[in-house]
Amino acid sequence: MQTPNKLKNFNMDDKLKADISKIVDEAISSRLSNQQATLTFNLENIDAEDRLKKILNVDKYDMALYDFSQFLRKILKYGEGEKVRFKSYDEYKEIVPDYETMEYVQKMFYECLENNRINLDD
């Protein structure tokens, strides 16, 4: 006995599932591929070349800002009375920063970030 209707329905269901899967995959792929941004620079312009270099190194700027925020946090939270060593010109110096000064530096640092719409948590 042949059961062509059951086979046709079964095949149609598999084909339908495959078609739906293909449509979903294409929609996801299309959505992802449409989420792109293109920056254009006229490299004959020296200022544009400098901006391009900054953009290409944005991860380094981000890390430097984060490191400095952690440095400030460490001094204010744990470093009461600790010496800080830094290089001035060609020699190293050590200072013991007072809490109020470092609190002010931290406030100004975060104010600069906020004024420039920079969020280190993003």
Protein backbone atom coordinates (compact mmCIF):
# COMPACT_ATOMS: atom_id res chain seq x y z
CA MET A 1 0.00 0.00 0.00
CA GLN A 2 1.24 3.40 -0.89
CA THR A 3 0.81 6.38 1.36
CA PRO A 4 1.76 9.25 -0.93
CA ASN A 5 -0.08 11.91 1.08
CA LYS A 6 1.82 11.11 4.28
CA LEU A 7 5.15 11.12 2.44
CA LYS A 8 4.33 14.37 0.67
CA ASN A 9 3.31 16.02 3.94
CA PHE A 10 6.43 14.71 5.65
CA ASN A 11 8.65 15.98 2.84
CA MET A 12 6.82 19.27 2.78
CA ASP A 13 7.28 19.68 6.53
CA ASP A 14 11.04 19.04 6.24
CA LYS A 15 11.25 21.40 3.26
CA LEU A 16 9.22 24.00 5.13
CA LYS A 17 11.50 23.68 8.17
CA ALA A 18 14.55 24.03 5.93
CA ASP A 19 13.05 27.08 4.19
CA ILE A 20 12.17 28.72 7.51
CA SER A 21 15.62 27.98 8.86
CA LYS A 22 17.18 29.51 5.75
CA ILE A 23 14.99 32.63 6.05
CA VAL A 24 15.91 33.02 9.74
CA ASP A 25 19.63 32.55 9.02
CA GLU A 26 19.48 35.12 6.22
CA ALA A 27 17.60 37.58 8.43
CA ILE A 28 20.14 37.22 11.24
CA SER A 29 23.05 37.46 8.82
CA SER A 30 21.51 40.49 7.13
CA ARG A 31 20.82 42.20 10.44
CA LEU A 32 24.37 41.60 11.64
CA SER A 33 25.96 42.66 8.39
CA ASN A 34 23.91 45.86 8.36
CA GLN A 35 25.36 46.87 11.73
CA GLN A 36 28.49 48.38 10.33
CA ALA A 37 30.07 51.80 10.38
CA THR A 38 32.49 53.21 7.90
CA LEU A 39 34.84 56.05 8.72
CA THR A 40 36.38 57.90 5.82
CA PHE A 41 39.54 59.97 6.08
CA ASN A 42 41.25 62.05 3.44
CA LEU A 43 44.82 61.00 4.22
CA GLU A 44 46.17 63.92 2.22
CA ASN A 45 45.03 66.08 5.13
CA ILE A 46 47.58 65.90 7.97
CA ASP A 47 44.90 66.48 10.65
CA ALA A 48 42.82 63.60 9.27
CA GLU A 49 45.84 61.32 9.38
CA ASP A 50 46.41 62.22 13.04
CA ARG A 51 42.74 61.57 13.86
CA LEU A 52 42.92 58.20 12.10
CA LYS A 53 45.96 57.23 14.18
CA LYS A 54 44.10 58.18 17.36
CA ILE A 55 41.07 56.13 16.37
CA LEU A 56 43.25 53.13 15.56
CA ASN A 57 44.79 53.41 19.05
CA VAL A 58 41.56 54.02 20.96
CA ASP A 59 42.02 50.82 22.97
CA LYS A 60 45.33 52.18 24.30
CA TYR A 61 43.67 55.46 25.36
CA ASP A 62 40.89 53.51 27.03
CA MET A 63 43.38 51.36 28.94
CA ALA A 64 45.44 54.39 30.03
CA LEU A 65 42.34 56.14 31.39
CA TYR A 66 41.23 52.99 33.18
CA ASP A 67 44.71 52.44 34.66
CA PHE A 68 44.81 56.03 35.93
CA SER A 69 41.34 55.70 37.48
CA GLN A 70 42.52 52.55 39.29
CA PHE A 71 45.69 54.37 40.42
CA LEU A 72 43.55 57.14 41.94
CA ARG A 73 41.23 54.60 43.55
CA LYS A 74 44.14 52.71 45.06
CA ILE A 75 45.67 55.85 46.58
CA LEU A 76 42.37 57.08 48.00
CA LYS A 77 41.19 53.72 49.31
CA TYR A 78 44.40 52.04 50.48
CA GLY A 79 47.35 54.39 50.09
CA GLU A 80 47.12 56.78 52.98
CA GLY A 81 50.70 57.81 53.69
CA GLU A 82 52.22 55.66 50.92
CA LYS A 83 54.94 57.07 48.73
CA VAL A 84 54.28 57.48 45.00
CA ARG A 85 57.26 57.25 42.68
CA PHE A 86 57.26 59.04 39.33
CA LYS A 87 59.73 60.15 36.71
CA SER A 88 60.32 63.87 36.34
CA TYR A 89 62.41 64.72 33.31
CA ASP A 90 65.33 62.30 33.65
CA GLU A 91 65.17 61.56 37.39
CA TYR A 92 62.80 59.71 39.69
CA LYS A 93 61.05 61.47 42.54
CA GLU A 94 58.97 60.23 45.41
CA ILE A 95 56.14 62.06 47.13
CA VAL A 96 53.54 61.24 49.73
CA PRO A 97 50.30 62.66 48.31
CA ASP A 98 47.84 64.00 50.82
CA TYR A 99 44.28 62.67 50.70
CA GLU A 100 42.58 66.00 49.95
CA THR A 101 44.81 66.71 46.97
CA MET A 102 44.28 63.25 45.50
CA GLU A 103 40.54 63.52 46.12
CA TYR A 104 40.58 66.78 44.15
CA VAL A 105 42.62 65.17 41.34
CA GLN A 106 40.12 62.30 41.20
CA LYS A 107 37.18 64.72 41.09
CA MET A 108 38.78 66.69 38.24
CA PHE A 109 39.68 63.49 36.37
CA TYR A 110 36.10 62.20 36.42
CA GLU A 111 34.74 65.64 35.61
CA CYS A 112 36.97 65.76 32.50
CA LEU A 113 35.73 62.32 31.49
CA GLU A 114 32.11 63.34 32.02
CA ASN A 115 32.52 66.61 30.11
CA ASN A 116 33.87 64.61 27.17
CA ARG A 117 31.14 61.95 27.49
CA ILE A 118 33.61 59.20 28.32
CA ASN A 119 32.35 56.30 30.39
CA LEU A 120 35.01 53.83 31.49
CA ASP A 121 32.35 51.21 32.25
CA ASP A 122 31.27 50.90 28.59
